[in-house]
Amino acid sequence: MEILNKNNTLITSTPFPREIFLKICTESGNNISEIKEVKDFTHEQIHKIFMLSTKKFMSGEICTEQLSDIANYLYNSLLASNKAEGKLYEALQAASELTFYIRTAEKTHTLEKFRDRIVSYYKSFSGEPPAQS
């Protein structure tokens, strides 16, 4: 994934974490050999992959760039399949933007908002109690 600043200058470029993605797909119970195109993922498959990716991110098993790349891929899957709505869509959109907002000094409140959106989505389905304010 290439991250550009507002002047279209390259900030960073990272390869898609294919091996990590495939491992997460397998661990989340998804047989992706049936997937021919990005739009072929079901909503449930996307949810399971994102939940496990987020869990691995929160535990430090994968880094921000890897979560962001995976989320961007899944986000595009929702867009391609015309399922782009709801909390999953919002959480994927937020996660896909993490790399940009971490690398720019702009809008730190946006980074915090995106982080909170991701954690809130994860906790609402994981059974973990919400963070105390």
C-alpha atoms as a PDB file:
ATOM      1  CA  MET A   1       0.000   0.000   0.000  1.00  0.00           C
ATOM      2  CA  GLU A   2       1.280   3.452  -0.847  1.00  0.00           C
ATOM      3  CA  ILE A   3       0.581   6.295   1.573  1.00  0.00           C
ATOM      4  CA  LEU A   4       0.657   9.808   0.127  1.00  0.00           C
ATOM      5  CA  ASN A   5       0.447  13.119   1.942  1.00  0.00           C
ATOM      6  CA  LYS A   6      -1.892  15.937   0.926  1.00  0.00           C
ATOM      7  CA  ASN A   7       0.673  17.080  -1.681  1.00  0.00           C
ATOM      8  CA  ASN A   8       0.712  13.590  -3.233  1.00  0.00           C
ATOM      9  CA  THR A   9       4.244  12.981  -1.993  1.00  0.00           C
ATOM     10  CA  LEU A  10       4.964   9.377  -1.082  1.00  0.00           C
ATOM     11  CA  ILE A  11       5.179   8.913   2.693  1.00  0.00           C
ATOM     12  CA  THR A  12       5.629   5.146   2.743  1.00  0.00           C
ATOM     13  CA  SER A  13       5.022   2.088   0.633  1.00  0.00           C
ATOM     14  CA  THR A  14       4.500  -1.356   2.125  1.00  0.00           C
ATOM     15  CA  PRO A  15       3.837  -4.670   0.391  1.00  0.00           C
ATOM     16  CA  PHE A  16       0.582  -6.415   1.183  1.00  0.00           C
ATOM     17  CA  PRO A  17       1.214  -8.920   4.022  1.00  0.00           C
ATOM     18  CA  ARG A  18       0.015 -11.880   1.972  1.00  0.00           C
ATOM     19  CA  GLU A  19       1.384 -14.658   4.195  1.00  0.00           C
ATOM     20  CA  ILE A  20      -0.027 -13.045   7.345  1.00  0.00           C
ATOM     21  CA  PHE A  21      -3.368 -12.491   5.619  1.00  0.00           C
ATOM     22  CA  LEU A  22      -3.561 -16.124   4.473  1.00  0.00           C
ATOM     23  CA  LYS A  23      -2.666 -17.341   7.987  1.00  0.00           C
ATOM     24  CA  ILE A  24      -5.356 -15.117   9.529  1.00  0.00           C
ATOM     25  CA  CYS A  25      -7.903 -16.351   6.988  1.00  0.00           C
ATOM     26  CA  THR A  26      -7.094 -19.970   7.876  1.00  0.00           C
ATOM     27  CA  GLU A  27      -7.081 -19.321  11.635  1.00  0.00           C
ATOM     28  CA  SER A  28     -10.460 -17.572  11.403  1.00  0.00           C
ATOM     29  CA  GLY A  29     -11.976 -20.621   9.701  1.00  0.00           C
ATOM     30  CA  ASN A  30     -12.178 -19.179   6.199  1.00  0.00           C
ATOM     31  CA  ASN A  31     -11.408 -21.289   3.156  1.00  0.00           C
ATOM     32  CA  ILE A  32     -10.205 -18.621   0.795  1.00  0.00           C
ATOM     33  CA  SER A  33      -9.335 -21.054  -1.989  1.00  0.00           C
ATOM     34  CA  GLU A  34     -12.951 -20.489  -3.059  1.00  0.00           C
ATOM     35  CA  ILE A  35     -12.357 -16.737  -3.347  1.00  0.00           C
ATOM     36  CA  LYS A  36     -11.662 -15.746  -6.938  1.00  0.00           C
ATOM     37  CA  GLU A  37     -12.190 -11.993  -6.618  1.00  0.00           C
ATOM     38  CA  VAL A  38     -12.111  -9.511  -3.749  1.00  0.00           C
ATOM     39  CA  LYS A  39     -15.899  -9.082  -3.987  1.00  0.00           C
ATOM     40  CA  ASP A  40     -16.433 -12.800  -3.287  1.00  0.00           C
ATOM     41  CA  PHE A  41     -15.837 -12.493   0.467  1.00  0.00           C
ATOM     42  CA  THR A  42     -19.028 -12.722   2.488  1.00  0.00           C
ATOM     43  CA  HIS A  43     -19.831 -10.203   5.189  1.00  0.00           C
ATOM     44  CA  GLU A  44     -19.278 -12.914   7.816  1.00  0.00           C
ATOM     45  CA  GLN A  45     -15.863 -13.841   6.374  1.00  0.00           C
ATOM     46  CA  ILE A  46     -14.791 -10.207   6.384  1.00  0.00           C
ATOM     47  CA  HIS A  47     -16.003  -9.818   9.959  1.00  0.00           C
ATOM     48  CA  LYS A  48     -14.094 -12.907  11.179  1.00  0.00           C
ATOM     49  CA  ILE A  49     -10.876 -11.914   9.387  1.00  0.00           C
ATOM     50  CA  PHE A  50     -11.074  -8.366  10.710  1.00  0.00           C
ATOM     51  CA  MET A  51     -11.795  -9.518  14.257  1.00  0.00           C
ATOM     52  CA  LEU A  52      -8.767 -11.834  14.298  1.00  0.00           C
ATOM     53  CA  SER A  53      -6.584  -9.192  12.607  1.00  0.00           C
ATOM     54  CA  THR A  54      -7.609  -6.653  15.241  1.00  0.00           C
ATOM     55  CA  LYS A  55      -6.947  -9.121  18.052  1.00  0.00           C
ATOM     56  CA  LYS A  56      -3.471  -9.803  16.648  1.00  0.00           C
ATOM     57  CA  PHE A  57      -2.853  -6.071  16.305  1.00  0.00           C
ATOM     58  CA  MET A  58      -3.947  -5.351  19.870  1.00  0.00           C
ATOM     59  CA  SER A  59      -1.665  -8.118  21.180  1.00  0.00           C
ATOM     60  CA  GLY A  60       1.303  -6.888  19.111  1.00  0.00           C
ATOM     61  CA  GLU A  61       1.417  -9.904  16.784  1.00  0.00           C
ATOM     62  CA  ILE A  62       0.951  -7.714  13.711  1.00  0.00           C
ATOM     63  CA  CYS A  63       1.945  -4.093  13.203  1.00  0.00           C
ATOM     64  CA  THR A  64      -0.071  -1.048  12.224  1.00  0.00           C
ATOM     65  CA  GLU A  65       0.859  -1.307   8.556  1.00  0.00           C
ATOM     66  CA  GLN A  66      -0.237  -4.924   8.397  1.00  0.00           C
ATOM     67  CA  LEU A  67      -3.585  -4.213  10.053  1.00  0.00           C
ATOM     68  CA  SER A  68      -4.078  -1.194   7.813  1.00  0.00           C
ATOM     69  CA  ASP A  69      -3.278  -3.162   4.642  1.00  0.00           C
ATOM     70  CA  ILE A  70      -5.552  -6.053   5.593  1.00  0.00           C
ATOM     71  CA  ALA A  71      -8.357  -3.665   6.556  1.00  0.00           C
ATOM     72  CA  ASN A  72      -7.947  -1.788   3.273  1.00  0.00           C
ATOM     73  CA  TYR A  73      -8.235  -5.051   1.334  1.00  0.00           C
ATOM     74  CA  LEU A  74     -11.368  -6.056   3.259  1.00  0.00           C
ATOM     75  CA  TYR A  75     -12.801  -2.534   2.956  1.00  0.00           C
ATOM     76  CA  ASN A  76     -12.404  -2.742  -0.819  1.00  0.00           C
ATOM     77  CA  SER A  77     -14.121  -6.112  -0.737  1.00  0.00           C
ATOM     78  CA  LEU A  78     -17.156  -4.522   0.910  1.00  0.00           C
ATOM     79  CA  LEU A  79     -17.125  -1.715  -1.650  1.00  0.00           C
ATOM     80  CA  ALA A  80     -16.848  -4.157  -4.568  1.00  0.00           C
ATOM     81  CA  SER A  81     -19.737  -6.256  -3.282  1.00  0.00           C
ATOM     82  CA  ASN A  82     -21.991  -3.266  -2.559  1.00  0.00           C
ATOM     83  CA  LYS A  83     -22.102  -4.166   1.156  1.00  0.00           C
ATOM     84  CA  ALA A  84     -20.401  -0.949   2.283  1.00  0.00           C
ATOM     85  CA  GLU A  85     -22.458   0.089   5.290  1.00  0.00           C
ATOM     86  CA  GLY A  86     -22.702  -0.353   9.020  1.00  0.00           C
ATOM     87  CA  LYS A  87     -20.246  -0.721  11.876  1.00  0.00           C
ATOM     88  CA  LEU A  88     -17.950  -3.180  10.077  1.00  0.00           C
ATOM     89  CA  TYR A  89     -17.595  -0.791   7.146  1.00  0.00           C
ATOM     90  CA  GLU A  90     -16.803   2.099   9.510  1.00  0.00           C
ATOM     91  CA  ALA A  91     -14.248   0.063  11.477  1.00  0.00           C
ATOM     92  CA  LEU A  92     -12.527  -1.162   8.303  1.00  0.00           C
ATOM     93  CA  GLN A  93     -12.400   2.359   6.929  1.00  0.00           C
ATOM     94  CA  ALA A  94     -10.833   3.593  10.166  1.00  0.00           C
ATOM     95  CA  ALA A  95      -8.291   0.772  10.290  1.00  0.00           C
ATOM     96  CA  SER A  96      -7.325   1.277   6.659  1.00  0.00           C
ATOM     97  CA  GLU A  97      -6.423   4.904   7.432  1.00  0.00           C
ATOM     98  CA  LEU A  98      -4.227   4.222  10.486  1.00  0.00           C
ATOM     99  CA  THR A  99      -0.923   4.171   8.612  1.00  0.00           C
ATOM    100  CA  PHE A 100      -1.584   7.580   7.078  1.00  0.00           C
ATOM    101  CA  TYR A 101      -2.607   9.285  10.310  1.00  0.00           C
ATOM    102  CA  ILE A 102       0.234   7.790  12.327  1.00  0.00           C
ATOM    103  CA  ARG A 103       2.759   9.089   9.807  1.00  0.00           C
ATOM    104  CA  THR A 104       1.385  12.613   9.562  1.00  0.00           C
ATOM    105  CA  ALA A 105       1.278  15.157  12.329  1.00  0.00           C
ATOM    106  CA  GLU A 106      -2.095  16.326  11.076  1.00  0.00           C
ATOM    107  CA  LYS A 107      -5.340  15.653  12.866  1.00  0.00           C
ATOM    108  CA  THR A 108      -4.241  13.561  15.821  1.00  0.00           C
ATOM    109  CA  HIS A 109      -7.859  13.663  17.001  1.00  0.00           C
ATOM    110  CA  THR A 110      -8.756  11.734  13.837  1.00  0.00           C
ATOM    111  CA  LEU A 111      -6.219   9.034  14.716  1.00  0.00           C
ATOM    112  CA  GLU A 112      -7.724   8.750  18.192  1.00  0.00           C
ATOM    113  CA  LYS A 113     -11.239   8.611  16.749  1.00  0.00           C
ATOM    114  CA  PHE A 114     -10.234   5.872  14.303  1.00  0.00           C
ATOM    115  CA  ARG A 115      -8.452   3.879  17.025  1.00  0.00           C
ATOM    116  CA  ASP A 116     -11.527   4.133  19.255  1.00  0.00           C
ATOM    117  CA  ARG A 117     -13.801   3.024  16.390  1.00  0.00           C
ATOM    118  CA  ILE A 118     -11.676  -0.077  15.776  1.00  0.00           C
ATOM    119  CA  VAL A 119     -11.431  -1.028  19.455  1.00  0.00           C
ATOM    120  CA  SER A 120     -15.150  -0.401  19.989  1.00  0.00           C
ATOM    121  CA  TYR A 121     -16.080  -2.660  17.068  1.00  0.00           C
ATOM    122  CA  TYR A 122     -13.734  -5.376  18.272  1.00  0.00           C
ATOM    123  CA  LYS A 123     -14.961  -5.264  21.859  1.00  0.00           C
ATOM    124  CA  SER A 124     -18.624  -5.233  20.849  1.00  0.00           C
ATOM    125  CA  PHE A 125     -18.165  -8.674  19.252  1.00  0.00           C
ATOM    126  CA  SER A 126     -15.330 -10.203  21.276  1.00  0.00           C
ATOM    127  CA  GLY A 127     -17.089 -10.294  24.619  1.00  0.00           C
ATOM    128  CA  GLU A 128     -14.406  -8.151  26.238  1.00  0.00           C
ATOM    129  CA  PRO A 129     -15.715  -5.383  28.512  1.00  0.00           C
ATOM    130  CA  PRO A 130     -15.536  -1.865  27.111  1.00  0.00           C
ATOM    131  CA  ALA A 131     -12.673   0.325  28.340  1.00  0.00           C
ATOM    132  CA  GLN A 132     -13.463   2.513  31.323  1.00  0.00           C
ATOM    133  CA  SER A 133     -13.305   6.248  30.666  1.00  0.00           C
END
